Amino acid sequence: MKAKRIRLILRSRYSDEYLFPLFRRIDKGTEGQWSGWEFLKGEIEKNEKSLDAVFREYEEETGLNYKSIENSIIKFNIQGNLIVRRGKNKGNIELIDTYFANMPYVNPSLFILDKHEHDLVEYFDRHDVLIRLADNLKKNIIMDFIAFKYTLNKLGYYEHDFFIDNKLLTDVQSKL
């Protein structure tokens, strides 16, 4: 089955550490909407390749030129399921392709956010990303959490490199 959506996990070097930008989703009270922190996501348009959707979404949702990430993009062999929460496909399960890219550090105030989707972008270290994404577990939004853990492992971070409490891991595993 072909993926219908993409997820983009970005990493930026600031001083001596790597930071990951997260985008705060807005809940406008529309059915199926939720609020919380997430990675960039978007639909793959008709006749569009998955990678082209990544570049388009990056530009649409950040206001930044995709050329800054073009040479560092990696597609991970992790296809997650996304439960569609609104619209004509509500309740359907769709595949989502996961990508990773390094990006130059950009001051969050310089992002031009799509105010229909996100009202804020902030950089977090890997520990704080996991904490922010864990908050989404209450809403059954778990794929960002799983994809990020997979990404950390692929980048060479292992369980002993960062703390995740046992209750959090139990919560994630119970939802799988």
Protein backbone atom coordinates (compact mmCIF):
# COMPACT_ATOMS: atom_id res chain seq x y z
CA MET A 1 0.00 0.00 0.00
CA LYS A 2 1.28 3.45 -0.90
CA ALA A 3 1.61 6.10 1.80
CA LYS A 4 -0.78 9.04 1.63
CA ARG A 5 1.04 11.27 4.12
CA ILE A 6 4.55 12.23 5.20
CA ARG A 7 6.21 13.06 8.51
CA LEU A 8 9.45 15.08 8.67
CA ILE A 9 11.70 14.94 11.73
CA LEU A 10 14.17 17.82 11.64
CA ARG A 11 17.39 18.25 13.61
CA SER A 12 19.46 21.39 13.98
CA ARG A 13 22.83 22.02 15.57
CA TYR A 14 22.92 24.94 17.99
CA SER A 15 26.18 25.62 19.85
CA ASP A 16 27.35 22.19 21.00
CA GLU A 17 24.07 20.31 20.95
CA TYR A 18 21.49 18.97 18.56
CA LEU A 19 17.98 20.32 18.87
CA PHE A 20 14.75 19.21 17.23
CA PRO A 21 12.06 21.71 16.24
CA LEU A 22 8.52 20.81 17.22
CA PHE A 23 5.42 22.57 15.99
CA ARG A 24 2.46 23.29 18.27
CA ARG A 25 -0.76 22.26 16.59
CA ILE A 26 -3.80 24.46 17.09
CA ASP A 27 -7.15 23.03 18.15
CA LYS A 28 -9.74 25.27 16.56
CA GLY A 29 -12.62 23.30 18.01
CA THR A 30 -13.18 21.48 14.72
CA GLU A 31 -14.25 17.87 15.03
CA GLY A 32 -11.22 15.59 15.04
CA GLN A 33 -8.78 18.42 15.78
CA TRP A 34 -6.35 18.20 18.66
CA SER A 35 -3.68 20.45 20.09
CA GLY A 36 -0.16 19.50 21.05
CA TRP A 37 3.41 19.24 19.81
CA GLU A 38 4.24 17.41 16.60
CA PHE A 39 6.68 17.07 13.75
CA LEU A 40 5.86 18.43 10.32
CA LYS A 41 3.28 16.33 8.55
CA GLY A 42 1.25 16.60 5.41
CA GLU A 43 -0.67 14.88 2.69
CA ILE A 44 0.89 13.56 -0.49
CA GLU A 45 -1.04 15.19 -3.30
CA LYS A 46 -2.29 13.30 -6.34
CA ASN A 47 0.58 12.41 -8.71
CA GLU A 48 3.12 13.72 -6.19
CA LYS A 49 6.08 11.67 -4.99
CA SER A 50 6.58 11.24 -1.26
CA LEU A 51 9.88 13.18 -1.26
CA ASP A 52 8.34 16.03 -3.24
CA ALA A 53 5.60 16.23 -0.59
CA VAL A 54 8.31 16.53 2.09
CA PHE A 55 9.91 19.49 0.35
CA ARG A 56 6.56 21.17 -0.36
CA GLU A 57 5.34 20.73 3.23
CA TYR A 58 8.65 22.01 4.60
CA GLU A 59 8.29 25.22 2.61
CA GLU A 60 4.54 25.62 3.25
CA GLU A 61 4.73 25.03 6.99
CA THR A 62 7.98 26.87 7.79
CA GLY A 63 8.38 29.50 5.09
CA LEU A 64 11.96 28.20 4.60
CA ASN A 65 13.53 27.04 1.34
CA TYR A 66 13.76 23.26 1.01
CA LYS A 67 17.26 23.54 -0.49
CA SER A 68 18.61 23.85 3.07
CA ILE A 69 17.58 20.24 3.83
CA GLU A 70 17.78 18.70 0.36
CA ASN A 71 21.23 17.10 0.78
CA SER A 72 20.63 15.59 4.22
CA ILE A 73 17.24 13.95 3.75
CA ILE A 74 16.87 10.30 4.76
CA LYS A 75 13.78 8.17 4.35
CA PHE A 76 13.44 5.68 7.15
CA ASN A 77 11.90 2.30 6.59
CA ILE A 78 9.19 2.97 9.08
CA GLN A 79 5.69 3.37 7.80
CA GLY A 80 3.26 4.18 10.52
CA ASN A 81 -0.47 4.13 10.47
CA LEU A 82 -2.35 7.37 10.93
CA ILE A 83 -5.99 7.37 11.92
CA VAL A 84 -7.73 10.13 9.99
CA ARG A 85 -9.61 12.27 12.51
CA ARG A 86 -11.70 14.49 10.23
CA GLY A 87 -12.99 14.98 6.72
CA LYS A 88 -14.35 12.46 4.22
CA ASN A 89 -11.78 9.81 5.22
CA LYS A 90 -12.48 10.10 8.97
CA GLY A 91 -11.77 6.82 10.75
CA ASN A 92 -9.66 5.41 7.92
CA ILE A 93 -6.14 4.23 8.59
CA GLU A 94 -3.57 5.67 6.19
CA LEU A 95 0.14 5.00 5.84
CA ILE A 96 2.60 7.78 6.61
CA ASP A 97 6.22 7.83 5.37
CA THR A 98 8.82 9.11 7.82
CA TYR A 99 11.77 11.28 6.76
CA PHE A 100 14.64 12.83 8.69
CA ALA A 101 16.77 15.84 7.73
CA ASN A 102 19.40 18.09 9.24
CA MET A 103 18.59 21.75 8.89
CA PRO A 104 20.51 24.91 9.71
CA TYR A 105 19.50 26.53 12.97
CA VAL A 106 16.90 29.19 12.27
CA ASN A 107 15.62 31.50 14.99
CA PRO A 108 12.02 30.41 15.68
CA SER A 109 10.81 33.97 15.12
CA LEU A 110 11.91 33.68 11.47
CA PHE A 111 9.66 30.71 10.72
CA ILE A 112 6.61 31.70 8.73
CA LEU A 113 4.07 29.29 10.16
CA ASP A 114 0.84 28.22 8.52
CA LYS A 115 -1.41 29.75 11.19
CA HIS A 116 -4.23 27.37 10.22
CA GLU A 117 -2.18 24.49 11.63
CA HIS A 118 0.52 25.73 14.01
CA ASP A 119 0.89 28.74 16.24
CA LEU A 120 4.39 28.14 17.58
CA VAL A 121 7.68 26.41 16.82
CA GLU A 122 10.28 25.68 19.48
CA TYR A 123 13.51 23.71 19.58
CA PHE A 124 13.95 20.96 22.16
CA ASP A 125 16.67 18.50 23.04
CA ARG A 126 15.85 14.82 22.55
CA HIS A 127 14.75 14.36 26.17
CA ASP A 128 12.27 17.22 26.00
CA VAL A 129 10.97 16.08 22.61
CA LEU A 130 10.08 12.71 24.13
CA ILE A 131 8.35 14.42 27.05
CA ARG A 132 6.33 16.71 24.72
CA LEU A 133 5.37 13.80 22.47
CA ALA A 134 4.46 11.66 25.48
CA ASP A 135 1.79 14.27 26.33
CA ASN A 136 0.11 13.26 23.06
CA LEU A 137 -0.33 9.69 24.33
CA LYS A 138 -3.38 10.85 26.24
CA LYS A 139 -4.93 11.64 22.85
CA ASN A 140 -3.79 8.34 21.29
CA ILE A 141 -1.35 10.26 19.08
CA ILE A 142 1.55 7.82 19.43
CA MET A 143 3.19 7.52 16.03
CA ASP A 144 5.36 10.65 16.42
CA PHE A 145 6.70 9.21 19.66
CA ILE A 146 7.48 5.84 18.08
CA ALA A 147 8.99 7.41 14.95
CA PHE A 148 11.21 9.68 17.05
CA LYS A 149 12.48 6.78 19.19
CA TYR A 150 13.27 4.89 15.97
CA THR A 151 15.06 7.97 14.59
CA LEU A 152 17.14 8.38 17.74
CA ASN A 153 18.26 4.77 17.49
CA LYS A 154 19.17 5.20 13.81
CA LEU A 155 21.18 8.32 14.70
CA GLY A 156 23.16 6.35 17.27
CA TYR A 157 21.35 7.26 20.49
CA TYR A 158 20.40 4.28 22.59
CA GLU A 159 18.13 3.72 25.56
CA HIS A 160 20.94 4.30 28.06
CA ASP A 161 21.64 7.70 26.46
CA PHE A 162 18.37 9.21 27.60
CA PHE A 163 15.90 8.72 30.40
CA ILE A 164 12.37 7.58 29.78
CA ASP A 165 10.51 6.45 32.84
CA ASN A 166 8.98 2.98 32.95
CA LYS A 167 5.42 4.28 33.25
CA LEU A 168 5.81 6.18 29.98
CA LEU A 169 7.13 3.10 28.18
CA THR A 170 4.31 1.00 29.63
CA ASP A 171 1.77 3.57 28.38
CA VAL A 172 3.24 3.47 24.87
CA GLN A 173 3.40 -0.32 24.76
CA SER A 174 -0.21 -0.64 25.97
CA LYS A 175 -1.38 1.47 23.02
CA LEU A 176 0.39 -0.66 20.38
